[in-house]
């Protein structure tokens, strides 16, 4: 039998050969780690729907941030659960809010760490929607006014990157203009540009108590069936001044990440969301999968699709696995 001169298996024979020709590389530099901040002190409380993740008070979140920084992760993103909620989410822009206090504390302890802050209102409103309601519907422009207040408050607290996540029309413009007017032109914007109305967010909504009291978010988050719309949304956010654009979730939307990567020459983030994380954790707990291999395979797939930045609850675990491979 005549074989071809080129045999692909030659370069798969050993781990060393495989490493030499590996096309997609994963490193701690690729990750952003989410942290959940709550009122009080001495709080380090496990989140039942996200095994291995915790609620932290400000004094404890500094240690958590330092731990991931020591693993080589360059950034964290903060989510706040306020002490009081109201109809407009006013705790979001208070100078002494939990996110603001956490940002100041983390930047003081680890100034080299990039601190991002999610800028949305679903955690802060008593109705669980992403802004101001009018007649039961989300009032886009009234919500933008509050978003502008919030991102400036975060910038004053030392946040490096604000991350508007409500999928409001014009949200990047509102953030950029308000930041620039207040002298924070160096604060970057990571826009949740293509955020889908997904069932994968369930554990997160439990973690931050943000499930809508009635209705849902399909009127402002994207239809999971659409790709061309994602490209339009991303292009609009780039034109409005976004520094990073995001696709969320990641695993069920790898094709969208690839389409955005092919179309847009900008840093692209992908959020490996709570439901994706929880499914791996649950299956691993049952002994149905090899957790170590699945975690790295999942994250490599997101990178391979075109993501430059991966927000993942598995970031610290993945860093430890990558360190073993060196």
C-alpha atoms as a PDB file:
ATOM      1  CA  UNK A   1       0.000   0.000   0.000  1.00  0.00           C
ATOM      2  CA  UNK A   2       1.321   3.424  -0.947  1.00  0.00           C
ATOM      3  CA  UNK A   3       1.172   5.981   1.867  1.00  0.00           C
ATOM      4  CA  UNK A   4       1.438   9.733   1.389  1.00  0.00           C
ATOM      5  CA  UNK A   5       4.747  11.359   2.228  1.00  0.00           C
ATOM      6  CA  UNK A   6       2.954  13.533   4.795  1.00  0.00           C
ATOM      7  CA  UNK A   7       1.637  11.617   7.780  1.00  0.00           C
ATOM      8  CA  UNK A   8      -0.146  13.897  10.293  1.00  0.00           C
ATOM      9  CA  UNK A   9       0.255  11.355  13.088  1.00  0.00           C
ATOM     10  CA  UNK A  10       4.000  11.951  13.169  1.00  0.00           C
ATOM     11  CA  UNK A  11       3.435  15.266  14.938  1.00  0.00           C
ATOM     12  CA  UNK A  12       0.956  13.795  17.419  1.00  0.00           C
ATOM     13  CA  UNK A  13       3.241  11.039  18.665  1.00  0.00           C
ATOM     14  CA  UNK A  14       4.508  12.658  21.879  1.00  0.00           C
ATOM     15  CA  UNK A  15       3.408  15.462  24.171  1.00  0.00           C
ATOM     16  CA  UNK A  16       6.472  17.463  23.211  1.00  0.00           C
ATOM     17  CA  UNK A  17       5.653  17.240  19.510  1.00  0.00           C
ATOM     18  CA  UNK A  18       2.022  18.137  20.151  1.00  0.00           C
ATOM     19  CA  UNK A  19       3.075  21.206  22.127  1.00  0.00           C
ATOM     20  CA  UNK A  20       5.400  22.342  19.341  1.00  0.00           C
ATOM     21  CA  UNK A  21       2.632  22.540  16.736  1.00  0.00           C
ATOM     22  CA  UNK A  22      -0.278  23.536  18.958  1.00  0.00           C
ATOM     23  CA  UNK A  23      -2.324  26.199  17.174  1.00  0.00           C
ATOM     24  CA  UNK A  24      -4.344  27.618  20.074  1.00  0.00           C
ATOM     25  CA  UNK A  25      -2.660  28.416  23.356  1.00  0.00           C
ATOM     26  CA  UNK A  26      -4.278  29.049  26.704  1.00  0.00           C
ATOM     27  CA  UNK A  27      -2.617  31.046  29.471  1.00  0.00           C
ATOM     28  CA  UNK A  28      -3.559  32.782  32.740  1.00  0.00           C
ATOM     29  CA  UNK A  29      -3.268  36.084  30.857  1.00  0.00           C
ATOM     30  CA  UNK A  30      -6.452  35.166  28.969  1.00  0.00           C
ATOM     31  CA  UNK A  31      -8.680  35.128  32.060  1.00  0.00           C
ATOM     32  CA  UNK A  32     -10.888  37.460  34.050  1.00  0.00           C
ATOM     33  CA  UNK A  33     -12.271  36.096  37.320  1.00  0.00           C
ATOM     34  CA  UNK A  34     -15.729  37.107  38.604  1.00  0.00           C
ATOM     35  CA  UNK A  35     -16.127  38.030  42.284  1.00  0.00           C
ATOM     36  CA  UNK A  36     -19.380  38.577  44.191  1.00  0.00           C
ATOM     37  CA  UNK A  37     -19.303  41.290  46.839  1.00  0.00           C
ATOM     38  CA  UNK A  38     -21.888  41.586  49.638  1.00  0.00           C
ATOM     39  CA  UNK A  39     -22.419  43.905  52.623  1.00  0.00           C
ATOM     40  CA  UNK A  40     -20.955  43.152  56.041  1.00  0.00           C
ATOM     41  CA  UNK A  41     -17.588  41.954  57.263  1.00  0.00           C
ATOM     42  CA  UNK A  42     -15.977  38.566  57.638  1.00  0.00           C
ATOM     43  CA  UNK A  43     -18.262  37.094  54.954  1.00  0.00           C
ATOM     44  CA  UNK A  44     -16.899  34.169  52.955  1.00  0.00           C
ATOM     45  CA  UNK A  45     -20.041  32.230  52.132  1.00  0.00           C
ATOM     46  CA  UNK A  46     -20.340  29.461  49.521  1.00  0.00           C
ATOM     47  CA  UNK A  47     -22.858  29.971  46.699  1.00  0.00           C
ATOM     48  CA  UNK A  48     -24.950  26.808  46.484  1.00  0.00           C
ATOM     49  CA  UNK A  49     -25.702  27.102  42.767  1.00  0.00           C
ATOM     50  CA  UNK A  50     -22.039  27.767  41.918  1.00  0.00           C
ATOM     51  CA  UNK A  51     -19.935  25.181  43.767  1.00  0.00           C
ATOM     52  CA  UNK A  52     -16.518  26.591  44.584  1.00  0.00           C
ATOM     53  CA  UNK A  53     -17.657  30.219  44.260  1.00  0.00           C
ATOM     54  CA  UNK A  54     -18.423  32.501  47.195  1.00  0.00           C
ATOM     55  CA  UNK A  55     -20.017  35.674  48.407  1.00  0.00           C
ATOM     56  CA  UNK A  56     -17.367  37.938  49.925  1.00  0.00           C
ATOM     57  CA  UNK A  57     -17.557  41.011  52.091  1.00  0.00           C
ATOM     58  CA  UNK A  58     -15.111  43.758  51.156  1.00  0.00           C
ATOM     59  CA  UNK A  59     -12.486  42.663  53.700  1.00  0.00           C
ATOM     60  CA  UNK A  60     -12.533  39.106  52.332  1.00  0.00           C
ATOM     61  CA  UNK A  61     -12.746  39.922  48.621  1.00  0.00           C
ATOM     62  CA  UNK A  62      -9.284  41.491  48.771  1.00  0.00           C
ATOM     63  CA  UNK A  63      -7.797  38.132  49.736  1.00  0.00           C
ATOM     64  CA  UNK A  64      -9.742  36.377  46.963  1.00  0.00           C
ATOM     65  CA  UNK A  65      -8.516  38.883  44.390  1.00  0.00           C
ATOM     66  CA  UNK A  66      -4.930  38.569  45.626  1.00  0.00           C
ATOM     67  CA  UNK A  67      -5.119  34.785  45.367  1.00  0.00           C
ATOM     68  CA  UNK A  68      -6.078  34.842  41.684  1.00  0.00           C
ATOM     69  CA  UNK A  69      -3.486  37.539  40.978  1.00  0.00           C
ATOM     70  CA  UNK A  70      -0.845  35.237  42.471  1.00  0.00           C
ATOM     71  CA  UNK A  71      -1.916  32.585  39.958  1.00  0.00           C
ATOM     72  CA  UNK A  72      -1.239  34.991  37.101  1.00  0.00           C
ATOM     73  CA  UNK A  73      -4.793  36.134  36.350  1.00  0.00           C
ATOM     74  CA  UNK A  74      -4.541  39.802  35.335  1.00  0.00           C
ATOM     75  CA  UNK A  75      -8.107  40.947  36.071  1.00  0.00           C
ATOM     76  CA  UNK A  76     -11.203  40.472  38.189  1.00  0.00           C
ATOM     77  CA  UNK A  77     -14.748  41.642  37.518  1.00  0.00           C
ATOM     78  CA  UNK A  78     -16.899  42.698  40.459  1.00  0.00           C
ATOM     79  CA  UNK A  79     -20.611  42.045  40.937  1.00  0.00           C
ATOM     80  CA  UNK A  80     -22.361  43.690  43.871  1.00  0.00           C
ATOM     81  CA  UNK A  81     -25.322  42.576  45.974  1.00  0.00           C
ATOM     82  CA  UNK A  82     -26.575  45.648  47.853  1.00  0.00           C
ATOM     83  CA  UNK A  83     -27.979  45.845  51.348  1.00  0.00           C
ATOM     84  CA  UNK A  84     -31.135  47.556  50.055  1.00  0.00           C
ATOM     85  CA  UNK A  85     -32.883  47.374  46.697  1.00  0.00           C
ATOM     86  CA  UNK A  86     -35.310  49.889  45.217  1.00  0.00           C
ATOM     87  CA  UNK A  87     -37.187  50.554  41.994  1.00  0.00           C
ATOM     88  CA  UNK A  88     -34.285  52.305  40.248  1.00  0.00           C
ATOM     89  CA  UNK A  89     -31.299  50.498  41.800  1.00  0.00           C
ATOM     90  CA  UNK A  90     -29.884  53.617  43.423  1.00  0.00           C
ATOM     91  CA  UNK A  91     -27.377  51.662  45.525  1.00  0.00           C
ATOM     92  CA  UNK A  92     -25.454  51.040  42.287  1.00  0.00           C
ATOM     93  CA  UNK A  93     -24.054  54.580  42.107  1.00  0.00           C
ATOM     94  CA  UNK A  94     -23.460  55.268  45.785  1.00  0.00           C
ATOM     95  CA  UNK A  95     -19.856  56.132  46.601  1.00  0.00           C
ATOM     96  CA  UNK A  96     -19.967  53.750  49.563  1.00  0.00           C
ATOM     97  CA  UNK A  97     -21.590  50.903  47.633  1.00  0.00           C
ATOM     98  CA  UNK A  98     -20.107  47.446  47.984  1.00  0.00           C
ATOM     99  CA  UNK A  99     -18.503  47.458  44.524  1.00  0.00           C
ATOM    100  CA  UNK A 100     -17.006  50.890  45.051  1.00  0.00           C
ATOM    101  CA  UNK A 101     -15.551  49.916  48.418  1.00  0.00           C
ATOM    102  CA  UNK A 102     -14.258  46.630  47.030  1.00  0.00           C
ATOM    103  CA  UNK A 103     -12.594  48.349  44.072  1.00  0.00           C
ATOM    104  CA  UNK A 104     -10.787  50.821  46.342  1.00  0.00           C
ATOM    105  CA  UNK A 105      -9.621  48.043  48.669  1.00  0.00           C
ATOM    106  CA  UNK A 106      -8.387  45.777  45.873  1.00  0.00           C
ATOM    107  CA  UNK A 107      -6.537  48.561  44.064  1.00  0.00           C
ATOM    108  CA  UNK A 108      -4.856  49.571  47.322  1.00  0.00           C
ATOM    109  CA  UNK A 109      -3.739  46.011  48.083  1.00  0.00           C
ATOM    110  CA  UNK A 110      -2.880  44.915  44.525  1.00  0.00           C
ATOM    111  CA  UNK A 111      -2.517  48.001  42.309  1.00  0.00           C
ATOM    112  CA  UNK A 112      -1.277  45.923  39.385  1.00  0.00           C
ATOM    113  CA  UNK A 113      -4.546  43.976  39.188  1.00  0.00           C
ATOM    114  CA  UNK A 114      -7.038  45.179  36.581  1.00  0.00           C
ATOM    115  CA  UNK A 115     -10.371  45.797  38.306  1.00  0.00           C
ATOM    116  CA  UNK A 116     -13.497  45.630  36.180  1.00  0.00           C
ATOM    117  CA  UNK A 117     -17.012  46.351  37.418  1.00  0.00           C
ATOM    118  CA  UNK A 118     -20.226  45.044  35.954  1.00  0.00           C
ATOM    119  CA  UNK A 119     -22.526  48.017  35.407  1.00  0.00           C
ATOM    120  CA  UNK A 120     -26.083  46.770  35.475  1.00  0.00           C
ATOM    121  CA  UNK A 121     -29.082  47.173  37.743  1.00  0.00           C
ATOM    122  CA  UNK A 122     -30.713  43.741  37.938  1.00  0.00           C
ATOM    123  CA  UNK A 123     -28.869  43.043  41.219  1.00  0.00           C
ATOM    124  CA  UNK A 124     -29.885  46.437  42.604  1.00  0.00           C
ATOM    125  CA  UNK A 125     -33.564  46.773  41.647  1.00  0.00           C
ATOM    126  CA  UNK A 126     -36.397  45.307  43.681  1.00  0.00           C
ATOM    127  CA  UNK A 127     -38.071  44.094  40.460  1.00  0.00           C
ATOM    128  CA  UNK A 128     -34.951  42.390  39.054  1.00  0.00           C
ATOM    129  CA  UNK A 129     -34.914  44.164  35.699  1.00  0.00           C
ATOM    130  CA  UNK A 130     -31.908  45.967  34.229  1.00  0.00           C
ATOM    131  CA  UNK A 131     -33.053  49.541  34.799  1.00  0.00           C
ATOM    132  CA  UNK A 132     -36.064  51.766  35.307  1.00  0.00           C
ATOM    133  CA  UNK A 133     -39.519  50.361  34.554  1.00  0.00           C
ATOM    134  CA  UNK A 134     -42.322  52.441  33.051  1.00  0.00           C
ATOM    135  CA  UNK A 135     -45.679  50.745  32.673  1.00  0.00           C
ATOM    136  CA  UNK A 136     -44.050  47.385  33.189  1.00  0.00           C
ATOM    137  CA  UNK A 137     -41.547  47.943  30.366  1.00  0.00           C
ATOM    138  CA  UNK A 138     -37.864  48.815  30.619  1.00  0.00           C
ATOM    139  CA  UNK A 139     -37.422  52.555  30.028  1.00  0.00           C
ATOM    140  CA  UNK A 140     -34.260  52.616  27.941  1.00  0.00           C
ATOM    141  CA  UNK A 141     -33.311  56.298  28.151  1.00  0.00           C
ATOM    142  CA  UNK A 142     -34.155  56.782  31.822  1.00  0.00           C
ATOM    143  CA  UNK A 143     -32.007  53.743  32.554  1.00  0.00           C
ATOM    144  CA  UNK A 144     -29.121  55.284  30.591  1.00  0.00           C
ATOM    145  CA  UNK A 145     -29.112  58.291  32.905  1.00  0.00           C
ATOM    146  CA  UNK A 146     -28.633  56.032  35.909  1.00  0.00           C
ATOM    147  CA  UNK A 147     -26.013  53.980  34.080  1.00  0.00           C
ATOM    148  CA  UNK A 148     -24.018  57.167  33.467  1.00  0.00           C
ATOM    149  CA  UNK A 149     -24.082  57.943  37.205  1.00  0.00           C
ATOM    150  CA  UNK A 150     -22.988  54.402  38.027  1.00  0.00           C
ATOM    151  CA  UNK A 151     -19.957  54.180  35.745  1.00  0.00           C
ATOM    152  CA  UNK A 152     -18.646  57.528  36.973  1.00  0.00           C
ATOM    153  CA  UNK A 153     -19.025  56.316  40.555  1.00  0.00           C
ATOM    154  CA  UNK A 154     -17.034  53.191  39.669  1.00  0.00           C
ATOM    155  CA  UNK A 155     -14.345  55.258  37.966  1.00  0.00           C
ATOM    156  CA  UNK A 156     -14.005  57.473  41.047  1.00  0.00           C
ATOM    157  CA  UNK A 157     -13.445  54.299  43.089  1.00  0.00           C
ATOM    158  CA  UNK A 158     -10.506  53.307  40.891  1.00  0.00           C
ATOM    159  CA  UNK A 159     -12.145  50.816  38.518  1.00  0.00           C
ATOM    160  CA  UNK A 160     -10.058  50.347  35.360  1.00  0.00           C
ATOM    161  CA  UNK A 161     -12.797  48.953  33.116  1.00  0.00           C
ATOM    162  CA  UNK A 162     -16.548  49.485  33.356  1.00  0.00           C
ATOM    163  CA  UNK A 163     -18.737  46.790  31.840  1.00  0.00           C
ATOM    164  CA  UNK A 164     -22.282  47.888  30.931  1.00  0.00           C
ATOM    165  CA  UNK A 165     -24.291  44.684  30.624  1.00  0.00           C
ATOM    166  CA  UNK A 166     -27.948  45.646  30.282  1.00  0.00           C
ATOM    167  CA  UNK A 167     -28.130  45.570  26.449  1.00  0.00           C
ATOM    168  CA  UNK A 168     -29.658  49.048  26.435  1.00  0.00           C
ATOM    169  CA  UNK A 169     -29.609  50.956  23.170  1.00  0.00           C
ATOM    170  CA  UNK A 170     -26.898  53.604  23.341  1.00  0.00           C
ATOM    171  CA  UNK A 171     -25.316  52.302  26.517  1.00  0.00           C
ATOM    172  CA  UNK A 172     -21.736  52.688  25.289  1.00  0.00           C
ATOM    173  CA  UNK A 173     -22.289  56.300  24.248  1.00  0.00           C
ATOM    174  CA  UNK A 174     -23.864  57.096  27.614  1.00  0.00           C
ATOM    175  CA  UNK A 175     -20.892  55.587  29.457  1.00  0.00           C
ATOM    176  CA  UNK A 176     -18.216  57.168  27.254  1.00  0.00           C
ATOM    177  CA  UNK A 177     -19.708  60.644  27.379  1.00  0.00           C
ATOM    178  CA  UNK A 178     -20.248  60.600  31.136  1.00  0.00           C
ATOM    179  CA  UNK A 179     -16.753  59.257  31.831  1.00  0.00           C
ATOM    180  CA  UNK A 180     -15.098  61.781  29.532  1.00  0.00           C
ATOM    181  CA  UNK A 181     -17.076  64.716  30.924  1.00  0.00           C
ATOM    182  CA  UNK A 182     -15.924  63.817  34.451  1.00  0.00           C
ATOM    183  CA  UNK A 183     -12.277  63.465  33.479  1.00  0.00           C
ATOM    184  CA  UNK A 184     -12.132  59.671  33.282  1.00  0.00           C
ATOM    185  CA  UNK A 185     -11.220  59.385  29.606  1.00  0.00           C
ATOM    186  CA  UNK A 186      -8.655  56.656  30.443  1.00  0.00           C
ATOM    187  CA  UNK A 187     -11.265  54.321  31.941  1.00  0.00           C
ATOM    188  CA  UNK A 188     -12.063  51.603  29.412  1.00  0.00           C
ATOM    189  CA  UNK A 189     -15.446  50.157  28.447  1.00  0.00           C
ATOM    190  CA  UNK A 190     -16.062  46.447  27.992  1.00  0.00           C
ATOM    191  CA  UNK A 191     -19.479  46.296  26.359  1.00  0.00           C
ATOM    192  CA  UNK A 192     -21.747  43.285  26.672  1.00  0.00           C
ATOM    193  CA  UNK A 193     -22.401  43.792  22.978  1.00  0.00           C
ATOM    194  CA  UNK A 194     -24.004  40.486  22.019  1.00  0.00           C
ATOM    195  CA  UNK A 195     -25.725  39.312  25.183  1.00  0.00           C
ATOM    196  CA  UNK A 196     -28.315  36.663  24.498  1.00  0.00           C
ATOM    197  CA  UNK A 197     -31.547  35.985  26.373  1.00  0.00           C
ATOM    198  CA  UNK A 198     -30.165  32.694  27.614  1.00  0.00           C
ATOM    199  CA  UNK A 199     -31.246  29.970  30.001  1.00  0.00           C
ATOM    200  CA  UNK A 200     -27.574  29.528  30.950  1.00  0.00           C
ATOM    201  CA  UNK A 201     -27.740  32.418  33.434  1.00  0.00           C
ATOM    202  CA  UNK A 202     -29.783  30.587  36.067  1.00  0.00           C
ATOM    203  CA  UNK A 203     -27.092  29.991  38.721  1.00  0.00           C
ATOM    204  CA  UNK A 204     -25.860  33.580  38.431  1.00  0.00           C
ATOM    205  CA  UNK A 205     -29.330  34.984  39.003  1.00  0.00           C
ATOM    206  CA  UNK A 206     -29.577  32.857  42.108  1.00  0.00           C
ATOM    207  CA  UNK A 207     -26.164  34.077  43.279  1.00  0.00           C
ATOM    208  CA  UNK A 208     -27.055  37.779  42.985  1.00  0.00           C
ATOM    209  CA  UNK A 209     -30.815  37.468  43.605  1.00  0.00           C
ATOM    210  CA  UNK A 210     -31.547  39.130  40.266  1.00  0.00           C
ATOM    211  CA  UNK A 211     -34.295  37.007  38.720  1.00  0.00           C
ATOM    212  CA  UNK A 212     -37.075  39.275  37.416  1.00  0.00           C
ATOM    213  CA  UNK A 213     -40.114  39.404  39.705  1.00  0.00           C
ATOM    214  CA  UNK A 214     -42.287  39.171  36.590  1.00  0.00           C
ATOM    215  CA  UNK A 215     -41.689  38.964  32.864  1.00  0.00           C
ATOM    216  CA  UNK A 216     -38.302  38.313  31.332  1.00  0.00           C
ATOM    217  CA  UNK A 217     -35.497  40.084  29.471  1.00  0.00           C
ATOM    218  CA  UNK A 218     -36.182  38.943  25.943  1.00  0.00           C
ATOM    219  CA  UNK A 219     -37.304  42.459  25.021  1.00  0.00           C
ATOM    220  CA  UNK A 220     -33.759  43.789  25.328  1.00  0.00           C
ATOM    221  CA  UNK A 221     -31.409  40.793  25.301  1.00  0.00           C
ATOM    222  CA  UNK A 222     -30.787  39.064  21.989  1.00  0.00           C
ATOM    223  CA  UNK A 223     -32.719  36.204  20.411  1.00  0.00           C
ATOM    224  CA  UNK A 224     -30.519  33.068  20.549  1.00  0.00           C
ATOM    225  CA  UNK A 225     -31.328  32.351  16.884  1.00  0.00           C
ATOM    226  CA  UNK A 226     -29.590  35.486  15.547  1.00  0.00           C
ATOM    227  CA  UNK A 227     -26.016  35.992  14.359  1.00  0.00           C
ATOM    228  CA  UNK A 228     -26.240  38.894  11.887  1.00  0.00           C
ATOM    229  CA  UNK A 229     -27.883  40.960  14.620  1.00  0.00           C
ATOM    230  CA  UNK A 230     -24.884  40.299  16.864  1.00  0.00           C
ATOM    231  CA  UNK A 231     -22.587  41.754  14.220  1.00  0.00           C
ATOM    232  CA  UNK A 232     -24.764  44.868  14.005  1.00  0.00           C
ATOM    233  CA  UNK A 233     -24.782  45.251  17.791  1.00  0.00           C
ATOM    234  CA  UNK A 234     -21.014  44.860  18.031  1.00  0.00           C
ATOM    235  CA  UNK A 235     -20.389  47.320  15.187  1.00  0.00           C
ATOM    236  CA  UNK A 236     -22.613  49.893  16.903  1.00  0.00           C
ATOM    237  CA  UNK A 237     -20.737  49.526  20.197  1.00  0.00           C
ATOM    238  CA  UNK A 238     -17.371  49.883  18.468  1.00  0.00           C
ATOM    239  CA  UNK A 239     -18.606  53.046  16.752  1.00  0.00           C
ATOM    240  CA  UNK A 240     -19.813  54.392  20.106  1.00  0.00           C
ATOM    241  CA  UNK A 241     -16.406  53.916  21.719  1.00  0.00           C
ATOM    242  CA  UNK A 242     -16.224  50.433  23.236  1.00  0.00           C
ATOM    243  CA  UNK A 243     -12.697  49.215  23.998  1.00  0.00           C
ATOM    244  CA  UNK A 244     -13.637  45.532  24.333  1.00  0.00           C
ATOM    245  CA  UNK A 245     -16.735  43.843  22.912  1.00  0.00           C
ATOM    246  CA  UNK A 246     -18.285  40.745  24.421  1.00  0.00           C
ATOM    247  CA  UNK A 247     -20.300  37.712  23.401  1.00  0.00           C
ATOM    248  CA  UNK A 248     -22.294  36.108  26.205  1.00  0.00           C
ATOM    249  CA  UNK A 249     -22.753  33.162  26.819  1.00  0.00           C
ATOM    250  CA  UNK A 250     -19.754  31.437  25.276  1.00  0.00           C
ATOM    251  CA  UNK A 251     -20.207  27.714  24.663  1.00  0.00           C
ATOM    252  CA  UNK A 252     -23.544  27.744  22.849  1.00  0.00           C
ATOM    253  CA  UNK A 253     -22.377  30.805  20.888  1.00  0.00           C
ATOM    254  CA  UNK A 254     -18.930  29.800  19.636  1.00  0.00           C
ATOM    255  CA  UNK A 255     -20.123  30.493  16.092  1.00  0.00           C
ATOM    256  CA  UNK A 256     -21.035  34.031  17.119  1.00  0.00           C
ATOM    257  CA  UNK A 257     -17.605  34.563  18.690  1.00  0.00           C
ATOM    258  CA  UNK A 258     -16.015  33.379  15.437  1.00  0.00           C
ATOM    259  CA  UNK A 259     -18.270  35.593  13.304  1.00  0.00           C
ATOM    260  CA  UNK A 260     -17.460  38.641  15.449  1.00  0.00           C
ATOM    261  CA  UNK A 261     -13.748  37.805  15.385  1.00  0.00           C
ATOM    262  CA  UNK A 262     -13.774  37.549  11.599  1.00  0.00           C
ATOM    263  CA  UNK A 263     -15.641  40.844  11.217  1.00  0.00           C
ATOM    264  CA  UNK A 264     -14.334  43.107  13.996  1.00  0.00           C
ATOM    265  CA  UNK A 265     -10.690  43.991  14.611  1.00  0.00           C
ATOM    266  CA  UNK A 266     -11.110  44.680  18.331  1.00  0.00           C
ATOM    267  CA  UNK A 267     -10.389  42.785  21.565  1.00  0.00           C
ATOM    268  CA  UNK A 268     -13.182  40.253  22.009  1.00  0.00           C
ATOM    269  CA  UNK A 269     -14.320  38.920  25.366  1.00  0.00           C
ATOM    270  CA  UNK A 270     -16.475  35.866  25.949  1.00  0.00           C
ATOM    271  CA  UNK A 271     -18.286  35.109  29.183  1.00  0.00           C
ATOM    272  CA  UNK A 272     -18.126  31.428  30.149  1.00  0.00           C
ATOM    273  CA  UNK A 273     -21.298  31.851  32.171  1.00  0.00           C
ATOM    274  CA  UNK A 274     -22.663  30.326  35.355  1.00  0.00           C
ATOM    275  CA  UNK A 275     -24.783  27.625  33.731  1.00  0.00           C
ATOM    276  CA  UNK A 276     -21.829  26.406  31.685  1.00  0.00           C
ATOM    277  CA  UNK A 277     -19.704  26.294  34.826  1.00  0.00           C
ATOM    278  CA  UNK A 278     -22.384  24.606  36.930  1.00  0.00           C
ATOM    279  CA  UNK A 279     -22.970  21.838  34.371  1.00  0.00           C
ATOM    280  CA  UNK A 280     -19.291  20.896  34.447  1.00  0.00           C
ATOM    281  CA  UNK A 281     -19.200  20.977  38.233  1.00  0.00           C
ATOM    282  CA  UNK A 282     -22.340  18.846  38.539  1.00  0.00           C
ATOM    283  CA  UNK A 283     -21.176  16.246  36.037  1.00  0.00           C
ATOM    284  CA  UNK A 284     -17.737  16.095  37.663  1.00  0.00           C
ATOM    285  CA  UNK A 285     -19.289  15.645  41.095  1.00  0.00           C
ATOM    286  CA  UNK A 286     -21.189  12.652  39.701  1.00  0.00           C
ATOM    287  CA  UNK A 287     -17.983  11.216  38.275  1.00  0.00           C
ATOM    288  CA  UNK A 288     -19.357  11.339  34.743  1.00  0.00           C
ATOM    289  CA  UNK A 289     -16.547  13.429  33.224  1.00  0.00           C
ATOM    290  CA  UNK A 290     -12.835  14.058  33.626  1.00  0.00           C
ATOM    291  CA  UNK A 291     -13.090  17.555  35.108  1.00  0.00           C
ATOM    292  CA  UNK A 292      -9.497  18.592  34.465  1.00  0.00           C
ATOM    293  CA  UNK A 293      -9.656  17.752  30.778  1.00  0.00           C
ATOM    294  CA  UNK A 294     -13.144  19.172  30.288  1.00  0.00           C
ATOM    295  CA  UNK A 295     -12.249  22.517  31.893  1.00  0.00           C
ATOM    296  CA  UNK A 296      -9.225  23.062  29.669  1.00  0.00           C
ATOM    297  CA  UNK A 297     -10.959  21.740  26.552  1.00  0.00           C
ATOM    298  CA  UNK A 298     -13.844  24.138  27.119  1.00  0.00           C
ATOM    299  CA  UNK A 299     -11.611  27.154  27.615  1.00  0.00           C
ATOM    300  CA  UNK A 300      -9.429  26.256  24.631  1.00  0.00           C
ATOM    301  CA  UNK A 301     -12.580  26.028  22.487  1.00  0.00           C
ATOM    302  CA  UNK A 302     -13.554  29.555  23.485  1.00  0.00           C
ATOM    303  CA  UNK A 303     -10.067  30.827  22.626  1.00  0.00           C
ATOM    304  CA  UNK A 304     -10.069  28.873  19.363  1.00  0.00           C
ATOM    305  CA  UNK A 305     -13.354  30.486  18.371  1.00  0.00           C
ATOM    306  CA  UNK A 306     -11.665  33.888  18.571  1.00  0.00           C
ATOM    307  CA  UNK A 307     -11.991  35.204  22.123  1.00  0.00           C
ATOM    308  CA  UNK A 308      -9.051  37.240  23.403  1.00  0.00           C
ATOM    309  CA  UNK A 309     -10.455  37.514  26.941  1.00  0.00           C
ATOM    310  CA  UNK A 310     -12.356  34.793  28.800  1.00  0.00           C
ATOM    311  CA  UNK A 311     -14.408  35.605  31.871  1.00  0.00           C
ATOM    312  CA  UNK A 312     -14.644  32.308  33.712  1.00  0.00           C
ATOM    313  CA  UNK A 313     -15.398  30.944  37.175  1.00  0.00           C
ATOM    314  CA  UNK A 314     -12.908  28.200  36.360  1.00  0.00           C
ATOM    315  CA  UNK A 315     -10.034  30.680  35.929  1.00  0.00           C
ATOM    316  CA  UNK A 316      -8.120  29.819  39.155  1.00  0.00           C
ATOM    317  CA  UNK A 317      -8.642  26.085  38.639  1.00  0.00           C
ATOM    318  CA  UNK A 318      -7.487  26.343  35.015  1.00  0.00           C
ATOM    319  CA  UNK A 319      -4.368  28.278  36.042  1.00  0.00           C
ATOM    320  CA  UNK A 320      -3.376  25.482  38.396  1.00  0.00           C
ATOM    321  CA  UNK A 321      -3.900  22.903  35.653  1.00  0.00           C
ATOM    322  CA  UNK A 322      -1.823  24.946  33.212  1.00  0.00           C
ATOM    323  CA  UNK A 323       0.974  25.262  35.774  1.00  0.00           C
ATOM    324  CA  UNK A 324       1.168  21.468  35.995  1.00  0.00           C
ATOM    325  CA  UNK A 325       1.699  21.281  32.227  1.00  0.00           C
ATOM    326  CA  UNK A 326       4.804  23.435  32.231  1.00  0.00           C
END
